[in-house]
Amino acid sequence: MFISGLPMDKIYECGRKFADLLNCKYHLVVSGNRKIMKLTLDFKETDLRHISGLHYIDDIVIENSPSKLFTAILKKEITDDVLKKSRKYNSKELYEGGSIEERVSEMRFLERYLDENNFIRIYRMQEFGSKVMADFFIESTLKDLNSTVYIFLRKRQESENYVVVSFFKKYQTYRGVNLYWMLKEKIKENDSIELYRNQNYRYS
């Protein structure tokens, strides 16, 4: 995307597209060991800081408050040039899933990864194999980007809904207990879109 002939900041595009998700929920129904599980995934502006990995940046001065950070991104007070002053932003050695810059770049397409219905898998997390504290993770591929990502989900402390707690490109394989999609619905601005329904699933 371009504005006035100049490429849009990745961090701004990431924030703007995440803002589009704030009025969106996903209703997920999955099955494992003959047990049906229903998950509701929602989004809050304070989630962006952790999902993108910006909470790792402590070698330059940026907002620590998740809500103020989100606002600063949309006001273009935090830009790509600001973030590139951090050696941790581009480092591929410090964290799982590549650099923070790569996370931000891929996170611009988070909604598309969640909407995808081909080659998308969901797993229950195992207690070993990753430092990410999550209950489930989704593996999703966008063919036009030639990219596969992991989307980690955890139950919110303050509600029964789930939150994306981490998100990054697939560089190594994470293993979990395989689950099966029964239903995937997207509810946005009171409109419900059925993204996938297993032919054997008859109930919403």
N, C-alpha and C. Protein backbone atom coordinates (compact mmCIF):
# COMPACT_ATOMS: atom_id res chain seq x y z
N MET A 1 0.83 -1.20 0.00
CA MET A 1 0.00 0.00 0.00
C MET A 1 0.87 1.25 0.00
N PHE A 2 0.38 2.31 -0.63
CA PHE A 2 1.16 3.52 -0.73
C PHE A 2 0.30 4.73 -0.39
N ILE A 3 0.94 5.71 0.23
CA ILE A 3 0.29 6.99 0.50
C ILE A 3 1.21 8.07 -0.04
N SER A 4 0.68 8.91 -0.93
CA SER A 4 1.45 10.00 -1.54
C SER A 4 2.75 9.48 -2.14
N GLY A 5 2.69 8.28 -2.74
CA GLY A 5 3.87 7.74 -3.42
C GLY A 5 4.86 7.07 -2.50
N LEU A 6 4.62 7.11 -1.17
CA LEU A 6 5.54 6.51 -0.22
C LEU A 6 4.93 5.25 0.39
N PRO A 7 5.76 4.24 0.65
CA PRO A 7 5.23 3.02 1.26
C PRO A 7 4.72 3.30 2.66
N MET A 8 3.60 2.69 3.02
CA MET A 8 3.02 2.86 4.34
C MET A 8 3.89 2.15 5.38
N ASP A 9 4.11 2.77 6.53
CA ASP A 9 4.83 2.12 7.62
C ASP A 9 4.18 0.78 7.94
N LYS A 10 5.00 -0.23 8.11
CA LYS A 10 4.46 -1.55 8.46
C LYS A 10 3.77 -1.52 9.81
N ILE A 11 4.36 -0.80 10.76
CA ILE A 11 3.76 -0.79 12.11
C ILE A 11 2.43 -0.05 12.09
N TYR A 12 2.32 1.00 11.28
CA TYR A 12 1.04 1.71 11.17
C TYR A 12 0.00 0.82 10.50
N GLU A 13 0.38 0.16 9.43
CA GLU A 13 -0.56 -0.73 8.73
C GLU A 13 -0.99 -1.87 9.65
N CYS A 14 -0.05 -2.38 10.43
CA CYS A 14 -0.35 -3.42 11.41
C CYS A 14 -1.39 -2.93 12.42
N GLY A 15 -1.18 -1.72 12.96
CA GLY A 15 -2.12 -1.16 13.93
C GLY A 15 -3.48 -0.86 13.32
N ARG A 16 -3.48 -0.32 12.11
CA ARG A 16 -4.75 0.03 11.46
C ARG A 16 -5.58 -1.22 11.17
N LYS A 17 -4.91 -2.27 10.69
CA LYS A 17 -5.65 -3.49 10.39
C LYS A 17 -6.09 -4.21 11.66
N PHE A 18 -5.29 -4.08 12.73
CA PHE A 18 -5.72 -4.66 14.00
C PHE A 18 -6.93 -3.92 14.54
N ALA A 19 -6.98 -2.61 14.30
CA ALA A 19 -8.14 -1.83 14.73
C ALA A 19 -9.42 -2.34 14.06
N ASP A 20 -9.30 -2.84 12.83
CA ASP A 20 -10.46 -3.40 12.13
C ASP A 20 -11.00 -4.64 12.82
N LEU A 21 -10.14 -5.31 13.59
CA LEU A 21 -10.55 -6.55 14.27
C LEU A 21 -11.23 -6.30 15.62
N LEU A 22 -11.19 -5.07 16.11
CA LEU A 22 -11.71 -4.80 17.45
C LEU A 22 -13.22 -5.04 17.56
N ASN A 23 -13.92 -4.93 16.45
CA ASN A 23 -15.36 -5.20 16.43
C ASN A 23 -15.66 -6.58 15.83
N CYS A 24 -14.70 -7.46 15.95
CA CYS A 24 -14.81 -8.77 15.31
C CYS A 24 -14.61 -9.88 16.34
N LYS A 25 -15.35 -10.98 16.17
CA LYS A 25 -15.16 -12.18 16.97
C LYS A 25 -15.16 -13.39 16.05
N TYR A 26 -14.48 -14.43 16.48
CA TYR A 26 -14.52 -15.72 15.77
C TYR A 26 -15.13 -16.76 16.70
N HIS A 27 -16.11 -17.46 16.20
CA HIS A 27 -16.73 -18.57 16.92
C HIS A 27 -16.15 -19.85 16.34
N LEU A 28 -15.37 -20.58 17.16
CA LEU A 28 -14.67 -21.76 16.71
C LEU A 28 -15.21 -22.98 17.42
N VAL A 29 -15.54 -24.00 16.67
CA VAL A 29 -15.96 -25.28 17.25
C VAL A 29 -14.99 -26.34 16.75
N VAL A 30 -14.34 -27.03 17.69
CA VAL A 30 -13.36 -28.05 17.33
C VAL A 30 -13.67 -29.33 18.09
N SER A 31 -13.09 -30.42 17.59
CA SER A 31 -13.35 -31.73 18.20
C SER A 31 -12.04 -32.46 18.43
N GLY A 32 -11.97 -33.12 19.59
CA GLY A 32 -10.81 -33.94 19.91
C GLY A 32 -11.19 -34.99 20.93
N ASN A 33 -10.77 -36.23 20.70
CA ASN A 33 -11.12 -37.34 21.59
C ASN A 33 -12.63 -37.43 21.82
N ARG A 34 -13.36 -37.22 20.71
CA ARG A 34 -14.82 -37.30 20.72
C ARG A 34 -15.48 -36.26 21.63
N LYS A 35 -14.76 -35.19 21.89
CA LYS A 35 -15.29 -34.11 22.72
C LYS A 35 -15.34 -32.83 21.88
N ILE A 36 -16.49 -32.15 21.94
CA ILE A 36 -16.66 -30.88 21.22
C ILE A 36 -16.25 -29.73 22.13
N MET A 37 -15.45 -28.82 21.60
CA MET A 37 -15.03 -27.63 22.35
C MET A 37 -15.43 -26.39 21.56
N LYS A 38 -16.01 -25.40 22.24
CA LYS A 38 -16.42 -24.16 21.61
C LYS A 38 -15.59 -23.01 22.16
N LEU A 39 -14.96 -22.27 21.25
CA LEU A 39 -14.09 -21.17 21.63
C LEU A 39 -14.57 -19.88 20.97
N THR A 40 -14.57 -18.80 21.71
CA THR A 40 -14.84 -17.48 21.14
C THR A 40 -13.58 -16.65 21.22
N LEU A 41 -13.09 -16.23 20.07
CA LEU A 41 -11.88 -15.43 19.99
C LEU A 41 -12.26 -13.98 19.76
N ASP A 42 -11.78 -13.08 20.64
CA ASP A 42 -12.06 -11.66 20.45
C ASP A 42 -10.76 -10.85 20.53
N PHE A 43 -10.88 -9.54 20.34
CA PHE A 43 -9.71 -8.68 20.21
C PHE A 43 -9.91 -7.39 21.00
N LYS A 44 -8.84 -6.94 21.66
CA LYS A 44 -8.85 -5.66 22.37
C LYS A 44 -7.59 -4.89 21.98
N GLU A 45 -7.67 -3.58 22.02
CA GLU A 45 -6.53 -2.77 21.58
C GLU A 45 -5.27 -3.07 22.39
N THR A 46 -5.44 -3.49 23.64
CA THR A 46 -4.29 -3.78 24.50
C THR A 46 -3.60 -5.09 24.09
N ASP A 47 -4.21 -5.88 23.22
CA ASP A 47 -3.61 -7.16 22.81
C ASP A 47 -2.44 -6.97 21.84
N LEU A 48 -2.46 -5.88 21.08
CA LEU A 48 -1.49 -5.72 20.00
C LEU A 48 -0.05 -5.78 20.49
N ARG A 49 0.23 -5.18 21.61
CA ARG A 49 1.61 -5.10 22.12
C ARG A 49 2.23 -6.48 22.27
N HIS A 50 1.48 -7.40 22.85
CA HIS A 50 2.02 -8.74 23.12
C HIS A 50 2.04 -9.60 21.86
N ILE A 51 0.98 -9.51 21.05
CA ILE A 51 0.93 -10.33 19.84
C ILE A 51 2.10 -10.00 18.91
N SER A 52 2.38 -8.72 18.76
CA SER A 52 3.41 -8.27 17.82
C SER A 52 4.82 -8.49 18.33
N GLY A 53 4.97 -8.70 19.64
CA GLY A 53 6.30 -8.85 20.23
C GLY A 53 6.93 -7.55 20.66
N LEU A 54 6.19 -6.44 20.56
CA LEU A 54 6.76 -5.14 20.93
C LEU A 54 7.07 -5.04 22.42
N HIS A 55 6.50 -5.92 23.25
CA HIS A 55 6.79 -5.90 24.68
C HIS A 55 8.24 -6.31 24.97
N TYR A 56 8.91 -6.92 23.99
CA TYR A 56 10.31 -7.30 24.16
C TYR A 56 11.26 -6.11 24.03
N ILE A 57 10.80 -5.05 23.41
CA ILE A 57 11.70 -3.92 23.13
C ILE A 57 11.88 -3.07 24.39
N ASP A 58 13.10 -3.08 24.91
CA ASP A 58 13.38 -2.31 26.12
C ASP A 58 14.69 -1.51 25.99
N ASP A 59 15.24 -1.47 24.77
CA ASP A 59 16.50 -0.74 24.59
C ASP A 59 16.29 0.61 23.92
N ILE A 60 15.05 0.97 23.62
CA ILE A 60 14.69 2.32 23.22
C ILE A 60 13.43 2.70 23.99
N VAL A 61 13.12 3.99 24.02
CA VAL A 61 11.97 4.47 24.77
C VAL A 61 10.74 4.49 23.88
N ILE A 62 9.79 3.58 24.17
CA ILE A 62 8.46 3.62 23.56
C ILE A 62 7.45 3.37 24.67
N GLU A 63 6.19 3.61 24.38
CA GLU A 63 5.15 3.44 25.38
C GLU A 63 5.13 2.00 25.92
N ASN A 64 5.06 1.88 27.25
CA ASN A 64 4.92 0.57 27.87
C ASN A 64 3.47 0.19 28.07
N SER A 65 2.61 1.19 28.24
CA SER A 65 1.19 0.93 28.43
C SER A 65 0.61 0.37 27.13
N PRO A 66 -0.01 -0.82 27.16
CA PRO A 66 -0.55 -1.41 25.93
C PRO A 66 -1.54 -0.52 25.21
N SER A 67 -2.42 0.16 25.95
CA SER A 67 -3.41 1.02 25.30
C SER A 67 -2.77 2.28 24.72
N LYS A 68 -1.80 2.87 25.44
CA LYS A 68 -1.11 4.05 24.94
C LYS A 68 -0.23 3.71 23.74
N LEU A 69 0.35 2.51 23.76
CA LEU A 69 1.15 2.07 22.62
C LEU A 69 0.31 1.97 21.37
N PHE A 70 -0.87 1.38 21.50
CA PHE A 70 -1.78 1.24 20.36
C PHE A 70 -2.14 2.61 19.79
N THR A 71 -2.47 3.55 20.67
CA THR A 71 -2.82 4.91 20.24
C THR A 71 -1.64 5.60 19.56
N ALA A 72 -0.45 5.42 20.13
CA ALA A 72 0.75 6.06 19.56
C ALA A 72 1.05 5.53 18.16
N ILE A 73 0.78 4.26 17.93
CA ILE A 73 0.99 3.68 16.60
C ILE A 73 0.03 4.31 15.60
N LEU A 74 -1.24 4.42 15.97
CA LEU A 74 -2.23 4.98 15.06
C LEU A 74 -2.02 6.48 14.83
N LYS A 75 -1.41 7.15 15.80
CA LYS A 75 -1.09 8.58 15.64
C LYS A 75 0.24 8.77 14.91
N LYS A 76 0.89 7.66 14.55
CA LYS A 76 2.18 7.67 13.85
C LYS A 76 3.29 8.30 14.69
N GLU A 77 3.14 8.18 16.01
CA GLU A 77 4.22 8.60 16.92
C GLU A 77 5.26 7.50 17.05
N ILE A 78 4.85 6.27 16.83
CA ILE A 78 5.76 5.13 16.76
C ILE A 78 5.75 4.65 15.32
N THR A 79 6.89 4.75 14.68
CA THR A 79 7.00 4.44 13.26
C THR A 79 8.04 3.34 13.04
N ASP A 80 8.15 2.89 11.79
CA ASP A 80 9.20 1.92 11.46
C ASP A 80 10.58 2.47 11.79
N ASP A 81 10.80 3.74 11.49
CA ASP A 81 12.12 4.35 11.74
C ASP A 81 12.43 4.39 13.23
N VAL A 82 11.42 4.64 14.05
CA VAL A 82 11.62 4.64 15.51
C VAL A 82 11.99 3.24 15.98
N LEU A 83 11.25 2.25 15.53
CA LEU A 83 11.47 0.87 15.99
C LEU A 83 12.81 0.33 15.51
N LYS A 84 13.26 0.76 14.34
CA LYS A 84 14.53 0.24 13.80
C LYS A 84 15.73 0.74 14.59
N LYS A 85 15.54 1.69 15.49
CA LYS A 85 16.62 2.14 16.37
C LYS A 85 16.92 1.10 17.44
N SER A 86 15.99 0.17 17.63
CA SER A 86 16.18 -0.91 18.60
C SER A 86 16.92 -2.06 17.94
N ARG A 87 18.00 -2.50 18.55
CA ARG A 87 18.72 -3.66 18.00
C ARG A 87 17.87 -4.92 18.13
N LYS A 88 16.94 -4.95 19.09
CA LYS A 88 16.11 -6.13 19.31
C LYS A 88 15.02 -6.25 18.25
N TYR A 89 14.67 -5.15 17.61
CA TYR A 89 13.59 -5.17 16.64
C TYR A 89 13.92 -6.06 15.44
N ASN A 90 15.19 -6.04 15.01
CA ASN A 90 15.59 -6.80 13.84
C ASN A 90 16.33 -8.10 14.17
N SER A 91 16.56 -8.34 15.45
CA SER A 91 17.31 -9.53 15.84
C SER A 91 16.50 -10.80 15.57
N LYS A 92 17.17 -11.82 15.02
CA LYS A 92 16.53 -13.12 14.79
C LYS A 92 17.00 -14.16 15.80
N GLU A 93 17.80 -13.71 16.76
CA GLU A 93 18.41 -14.64 17.69
C GLU A 93 17.75 -14.66 19.07
N LEU A 94 16.93 -13.66 19.36
CA LEU A 94 16.45 -13.50 20.74
C LEU A 94 15.15 -14.23 21.03
N TYR A 95 14.33 -14.48 20.02
CA TYR A 95 12.98 -14.94 20.28
C TYR A 95 12.58 -16.10 19.37
N GLU A 96 11.57 -16.83 19.77
CA GLU A 96 10.98 -17.83 18.89
C GLU A 96 10.29 -17.12 17.72
N GLY A 97 10.36 -17.73 16.55
CA GLY A 97 9.57 -17.23 15.44
C GLY A 97 10.15 -16.07 14.69
N GLY A 98 11.48 -15.90 14.68
CA GLY A 98 12.07 -14.84 13.90
C GLY A 98 12.08 -13.50 14.61
N SER A 99 12.36 -12.44 13.87
CA SER A 99 12.49 -11.11 14.47
C SER A 99 11.14 -10.48 14.75
N ILE A 100 11.16 -9.45 15.60
CA ILE A 100 9.94 -8.70 15.89
C ILE A 100 9.46 -7.98 14.63
N GLU A 101 10.40 -7.48 13.85
CA GLU A 101 10.03 -6.81 12.60
C GLU A 101 9.24 -7.75 11.69
N GLU A 102 9.65 -9.02 11.63
CA GLU A 102 8.94 -10.00 10.80
C GLU A 102 7.54 -10.26 11.36
N ARG A 103 7.42 -10.29 12.68
CA ARG A 103 6.10 -10.47 13.29
C ARG A 103 5.17 -9.33 12.90
N VAL A 104 5.67 -8.11 13.02
CA VAL A 104 4.87 -6.94 12.67
C VAL A 104 4.45 -7.01 11.22
N SER A 105 5.37 -7.38 10.35
CA SER A 105 5.08 -7.46 8.92
C SER A 105 3.98 -8.49 8.64
N GLU A 106 4.09 -9.68 9.24
CA GLU A 106 3.09 -10.73 9.02
C GLU A 106 1.77 -10.40 9.69
N MET A 107 1.83 -9.68 10.81
CA MET A 107 0.61 -9.39 11.56
C MET A 107 -0.36 -8.50 10.79
N ARG A 108 0.14 -7.83 9.76
CA ARG A 108 -0.74 -7.05 8.89
C ARG A 108 -1.80 -7.94 8.23
N PHE A 109 -1.52 -9.23 8.15
CA PHE A 109 -2.42 -10.17 7.47
C PHE A 109 -3.10 -11.13 8.44
N LEU A 110 -3.11 -10.78 9.73
CA LEU A 110 -3.70 -11.66 10.75
C LEU A 110 -5.13 -12.05 10.42
N GLU A 111 -5.94 -11.10 10.03
CA GLU A 111 -7.34 -11.39 9.72
C GLU A 111 -7.44 -12.38 8.56
N ARG A 112 -6.62 -12.22 7.56
CA ARG A 112 -6.64 -13.15 6.43
C ARG A 112 -6.22 -14.55 6.85
N TYR A 113 -5.22 -14.64 7.72
CA TYR A 113 -4.80 -15.95 8.20
C TYR A 113 -5.92 -16.64 8.97
N LEU A 114 -6.67 -15.88 9.75
CA LEU A 114 -7.77 -16.46 10.52
C LEU A 114 -8.96 -16.81 9.64
N ASP A 115 -9.15 -16.07 8.56
CA ASP A 115 -10.27 -16.33 7.66
C ASP A 115 -10.02 -17.52 6.74
N GLU A 116 -8.77 -17.87 6.55
CA GLU A 116 -8.41 -18.92 5.59
C GLU A 116 -9.08 -20.24 5.95
N ASN A 117 -9.57 -20.95 4.96
CA ASN A 117 -10.21 -22.25 5.23
C ASN A 117 -9.52 -23.41 4.53
N ASN A 118 -8.44 -23.14 3.84
CA ASN A 118 -7.66 -24.22 3.22
C ASN A 118 -6.34 -24.39 3.97
N PHE A 119 -6.00 -25.60 4.26
CA PHE A 119 -4.73 -25.93 4.90
C PHE A 119 -4.54 -25.20 6.23
N ILE A 120 -5.61 -25.04 6.98
CA ILE A 120 -5.52 -24.43 8.30
C ILE A 120 -5.75 -25.53 9.33
N ARG A 121 -4.88 -25.60 10.31
CA ARG A 121 -4.94 -26.67 11.30
C ARG A 121 -5.00 -26.06 12.70
N ILE A 122 -5.58 -26.81 13.64
CA ILE A 122 -5.63 -26.35 15.02
C ILE A 122 -5.20 -27.49 15.94
N TYR A 123 -4.45 -27.14 17.00
CA TYR A 123 -3.91 -28.12 17.93
C TYR A 123 -4.12 -27.65 19.37
N ARG A 124 -4.23 -28.61 20.28
CA ARG A 124 -4.15 -28.30 21.70
C ARG A 124 -2.67 -28.28 22.07
N MET A 125 -2.24 -27.27 22.79
CA MET A 125 -0.84 -27.16 23.17
C MET A 125 -0.41 -28.30 24.09
N GLN A 126 0.81 -28.76 23.90
CA GLN A 126 1.42 -29.67 24.85
C GLN A 126 2.16 -28.86 25.90
N GLU A 127 2.50 -29.48 26.99
CA GLU A 127 3.14 -28.76 28.10
C GLU A 127 4.64 -28.58 27.88
N PHE A 128 5.16 -29.07 26.77
CA PHE A 128 6.58 -28.95 26.48
C PHE A 128 6.75 -28.56 25.02
N GLY A 129 7.94 -28.07 24.69
CA GLY A 129 8.25 -27.80 23.29
C GLY A 129 8.18 -26.33 22.89
N SER A 130 7.61 -25.47 23.73
CA SER A 130 7.54 -24.04 23.40
C SER A 130 7.49 -23.22 24.69
N LYS A 131 8.07 -22.03 24.62
CA LYS A 131 8.02 -21.12 25.75
C LYS A 131 6.71 -20.33 25.78
N VAL A 132 5.94 -20.42 24.71
CA VAL A 132 4.68 -19.67 24.62
C VAL A 132 3.65 -20.32 25.53
N MET A 133 3.06 -19.53 26.41
CA MET A 133 2.02 -20.01 27.31
C MET A 133 0.67 -19.88 26.61
N ALA A 134 0.16 -20.99 26.08
CA ALA A 134 -1.08 -20.95 25.32
C ALA A 134 -1.85 -22.25 25.52
N ASP A 135 -3.13 -22.22 25.18
CA ASP A 135 -3.99 -23.40 25.28
C ASP A 135 -4.11 -24.13 23.94
N PHE A 136 -4.10 -23.35 22.86
CA PHE A 136 -4.25 -23.90 21.52
C PHE A 136 -3.33 -23.13 20.57
N PHE A 137 -3.02 -23.74 19.43
CA PHE A 137 -2.38 -22.95 18.37
C PHE A 137 -2.91 -23.38 17.02
N ILE A 138 -2.96 -22.40 16.14
CA ILE A 138 -3.45 -22.58 14.77
C ILE A 138 -2.27 -22.45 13.82
N GLU A 139 -2.23 -23.31 12.82
CA GLU A 139 -1.25 -23.20 11.75
C GLU A 139 -1.99 -22.84 10.48
N SER A 140 -1.64 -21.72 9.87
CA SER A 140 -2.37 -21.23 8.71
C SER A 140 -1.41 -20.79 7.62
N THR A 141 -1.79 -21.07 6.37
CA THR A 141 -0.95 -20.74 5.22
C THR A 141 -1.71 -19.83 4.26
N LEU A 142 -1.02 -18.79 3.78
CA LEU A 142 -1.53 -17.97 2.69
C LEU A 142 -0.65 -18.23 1.48
N LYS A 143 -1.23 -18.86 0.47
CA LYS A 143 -0.44 -19.26 -0.68
C LYS A 143 0.12 -18.08 -1.45
N ASP A 144 -0.65 -16.99 -1.55
CA ASP A 144 -0.17 -15.86 -2.34
C ASP A 144 1.01 -15.16 -1.69
N LEU A 145 1.14 -15.32 -0.36
CA LEU A 145 2.28 -14.75 0.35
C LEU A 145 3.39 -15.78 0.53
N ASN A 146 3.08 -17.04 0.16
CA ASN A 146 4.03 -18.14 0.35
C ASN A 146 4.52 -18.18 1.80
N SER A 147 3.57 -18.07 2.72
CA SER A 147 3.91 -17.94 4.13
C SER A 147 2.98 -18.76 5.00
N THR A 148 3.56 -19.42 6.01
CA THR A 148 2.79 -20.16 7.01
C THR A 148 3.11 -19.58 8.38
N VAL A 149 2.08 -19.39 9.21
CA VAL A 149 2.27 -18.80 10.53
C VAL A 149 1.65 -19.68 11.61
N TYR A 150 2.08 -19.42 12.84
CA TYR A 150 1.45 -19.99 14.02
C TYR A 150 0.71 -18.88 14.76
N ILE A 151 -0.52 -19.19 15.18
CA ILE A 151 -1.35 -18.25 15.94
C ILE A 151 -1.68 -18.93 17.26
N PHE A 152 -1.16 -18.42 18.37
CA PHE A 152 -1.33 -19.05 19.67
C PHE A 152 -2.49 -18.41 20.43
N LEU A 153 -3.36 -19.23 20.98
CA LEU A 153 -4.56 -18.77 21.68
C LEU A 153 -4.52 -19.16 23.14
N ARG A 154 -4.99 -18.25 23.99
CA ARG A 154 -5.09 -18.55 25.43
C ARG A 154 -6.37 -17.94 25.97
N LYS A 155 -6.95 -18.58 26.95
CA LYS A 155 -8.17 -18.08 27.57
C LYS A 155 -7.88 -16.79 28.33
N ARG A 156 -8.72 -15.80 28.15
CA ARG A 156 -8.55 -14.54 28.87
C ARG A 156 -8.79 -14.75 30.36
N GLN A 157 -8.07 -14.02 31.18
CA GLN A 157 -8.25 -14.14 32.63
C GLN A 157 -9.58 -13.56 33.08
N GLU A 158 -10.06 -12.54 32.35
CA GLU A 158 -11.23 -11.80 32.81
C GLU A 158 -12.53 -12.26 32.16
N SER A 159 -12.47 -13.25 31.27
CA SER A 159 -13.69 -13.72 30.61
C SER A 159 -13.51 -15.14 30.11
N GLU A 160 -14.56 -15.68 29.51
CA GLU A 160 -14.50 -17.03 28.95
C GLU A 160 -13.95 -17.02 27.52
N ASN A 161 -13.73 -15.84 26.97
CA ASN A 161 -13.24 -15.75 25.60
C ASN A 161 -11.74 -16.01 25.51
N TYR A 162 -11.26 -16.17 24.28
CA TYR A 162 -9.85 -16.43 24.04
C TYR A 162 -9.20 -15.24 23.35
N VAL A 163 -7.88 -15.14 23.51
CA VAL A 163 -7.11 -14.05 22.95
C VAL A 163 -5.92 -14.63 22.19
N VAL A 164 -5.50 -13.94 21.13
CA VAL A 164 -4.25 -14.29 20.46
C VAL A 164 -3.11 -13.77 21.34
N VAL A 165 -2.27 -14.67 21.84
CA VAL A 165 -1.19 -14.24 22.73
C VAL A 165 0.16 -14.15 22.02
N SER A 166 0.30 -14.84 20.90
CA SER A 166 1.52 -14.72 20.12
C SER A 166 1.23 -15.13 18.69
N PHE A 167 2.08 -14.65 17.80
CA PHE A 167 1.83 -14.83 16.36
C PHE A 167 3.15 -14.66 15.65
N PHE A 168 3.57 -15.67 14.93
CA PHE A 168 4.81 -15.52 14.18
C PHE A 168 4.91 -16.53 13.05
N LYS A 169 5.83 -16.26 12.16
CA LYS A 169 6.03 -17.08 10.98
C LYS A 169 6.61 -18.45 11.37
N LYS A 170 6.25 -19.46 10.61
CA LYS A 170 6.71 -20.82 10.89
C LYS A 170 8.14 -20.99 10.38
N TYR A 171 9.07 -21.12 11.33
CA TYR A 171 10.44 -21.44 11.00
C TYR A 171 10.83 -22.82 11.53
N GLN A 172 10.10 -23.26 12.54
CA GLN A 172 10.30 -24.60 13.08
C GLN A 172 8.93 -25.20 13.33
N THR A 173 8.88 -26.50 13.51
CA THR A 173 7.60 -27.18 13.68
C THR A 173 7.24 -27.30 15.16
N TYR A 174 6.07 -26.85 15.50
CA TYR A 174 5.54 -27.02 16.86
C TYR A 174 4.55 -28.18 16.84
N ARG A 175 4.63 -28.98 17.87
CA ARG A 175 3.78 -30.16 17.92
C ARG A 175 2.75 -30.02 19.03
N GLY A 176 1.55 -30.52 18.74
CA GLY A 176 0.48 -30.50 19.73
C GLY A 176 -0.47 -31.64 19.46
N VAL A 177 -1.54 -31.67 20.21
CA VAL A 177 -2.57 -32.69 20.02
C VAL A 177 -3.50 -32.23 18.91
N ASN A 178 -3.59 -33.01 17.85
CA ASN A 178 -4.38 -32.62 16.69
C ASN A 178 -5.87 -32.55 17.02
N LEU A 179 -6.51 -31.46 16.59
CA LEU A 179 -7.95 -31.28 16.73
C LEU A 179 -8.55 -31.15 15.33
N TYR A 180 -9.87 -31.25 15.28
CA TYR A 180 -10.55 -31.20 13.99
C TYR A 180 -11.56 -30.06 13.99
N TRP A 181 -11.55 -29.29 12.90
CA TRP A 181 -12.50 -28.20 12.76
C TRP A 181 -13.90 -28.75 12.53
N MET A 182 -14.85 -28.25 13.30
CA MET A 182 -16.26 -28.54 13.08
C MET A 182 -16.96 -27.33 12.47
N LEU A 183 -16.61 -26.16 12.99
CA LEU A 183 -17.26 -24.93 12.53
C LEU A 183 -16.33 -23.76 12.79
N LYS A 184 -16.33 -22.82 11.83
CA LYS A 184 -15.61 -21.56 12.03
C LYS A 184 -16.48 -20.44 11.49
N GLU A 185 -16.89 -19.56 12.39
CA GLU A 185 -17.74 -18.41 12.02
C GLU A 185 -17.03 -17.12 12.41
N LYS A 186 -17.27 -16.10 11.62
CA LYS A 186 -16.74 -14.76 11.89
C LYS A 186 -17.91 -13.82 12.12
N ILE A 187 -17.91 -13.16 13.26
CA ILE A 187 -18.98 -12.21 13.56
C ILE A 187 -18.36 -10.82 13.58
N LYS A 188 -18.76 -9.99 12.61
CA LYS A 188 -18.18 -8.66 12.49
C LYS A 188 -19.29 -7.65 12.26
N GLU A 189 -19.37 -6.68 13.18
CA GLU A 189 -20.40 -5.63 13.10
C GLU A 189 -21.78 -6.26 12.93
N ASN A 190 -22.03 -7.27 13.76
CA ASN A 190 -23.33 -7.97 13.84
C ASN A 190 -23.66 -8.83 12.63
N ASP A 191 -22.74 -8.95 11.68
CA ASP A 191 -22.93 -9.85 10.55
C ASP A 191 -22.16 -11.13 10.81
N SER A 192 -22.80 -12.27 10.57
CA SER A 192 -22.16 -13.56 10.78
C SER A 192 -21.81 -14.19 9.43
N ILE A 193 -20.55 -14.60 9.31
CA ILE A 193 -20.08 -15.22 8.09
C ILE A 193 -19.57 -16.62 8.44
N GLU A 194 -20.13 -17.62 7.81
CA GLU A 194 -19.66 -18.98 8.04
C GLU A 194 -18.47 -19.24 7.14
N LEU A 195 -17.30 -19.40 7.74
CA LEU A 195 -16.07 -19.60 6.99
C LEU A 195 -15.83 -21.07 6.67
N TYR A 196 -16.30 -21.94 7.56
CA TYR A 196 -16.11 -23.37 7.35
C TYR A 196 -17.10 -24.15 8.21
N ARG A 197 -17.63 -25.21 7.66
CA ARG A 197 -18.47 -26.13 8.43
C ARG A 197 -18.16 -27.56 7.98
N ASN A 198 -17.81 -28.40 8.92
CA ASN A 198 -17.60 -29.81 8.63
C ASN A 198 -18.93 -30.45 8.23
N GLN A 199 -18.90 -31.27 7.22
CA GLN A 199 -20.14 -31.86 6.72
C GLN A 199 -20.86 -32.70 7.76
N ASN A 200 -20.13 -33.13 8.80
CA ASN A 200 -20.74 -33.94 9.85
C ASN A 200 -21.25 -33.12 11.03
N TYR A 201 -21.01 -31.78 10.97
CA TYR A 201 -21.44 -30.93 12.08
C TYR A 201 -22.77 -30.29 11.75
N ARG A 202 -23.75 -30.53 12.61
CA ARG A 202 -25.12 -30.10 12.32
C ARG A 202 -25.63 -29.02 13.26
N TYR A 203 -24.84 -28.66 14.28
CA TYR A 203 -25.36 -27.73 15.29
C TYR A 203 -24.44 -26.52 15.39
N SER A 204 -25.03 -25.36 15.66
CA SER A 204 -24.25 -24.14 15.78
C SER A 204 -24.09 -23.80 17.26
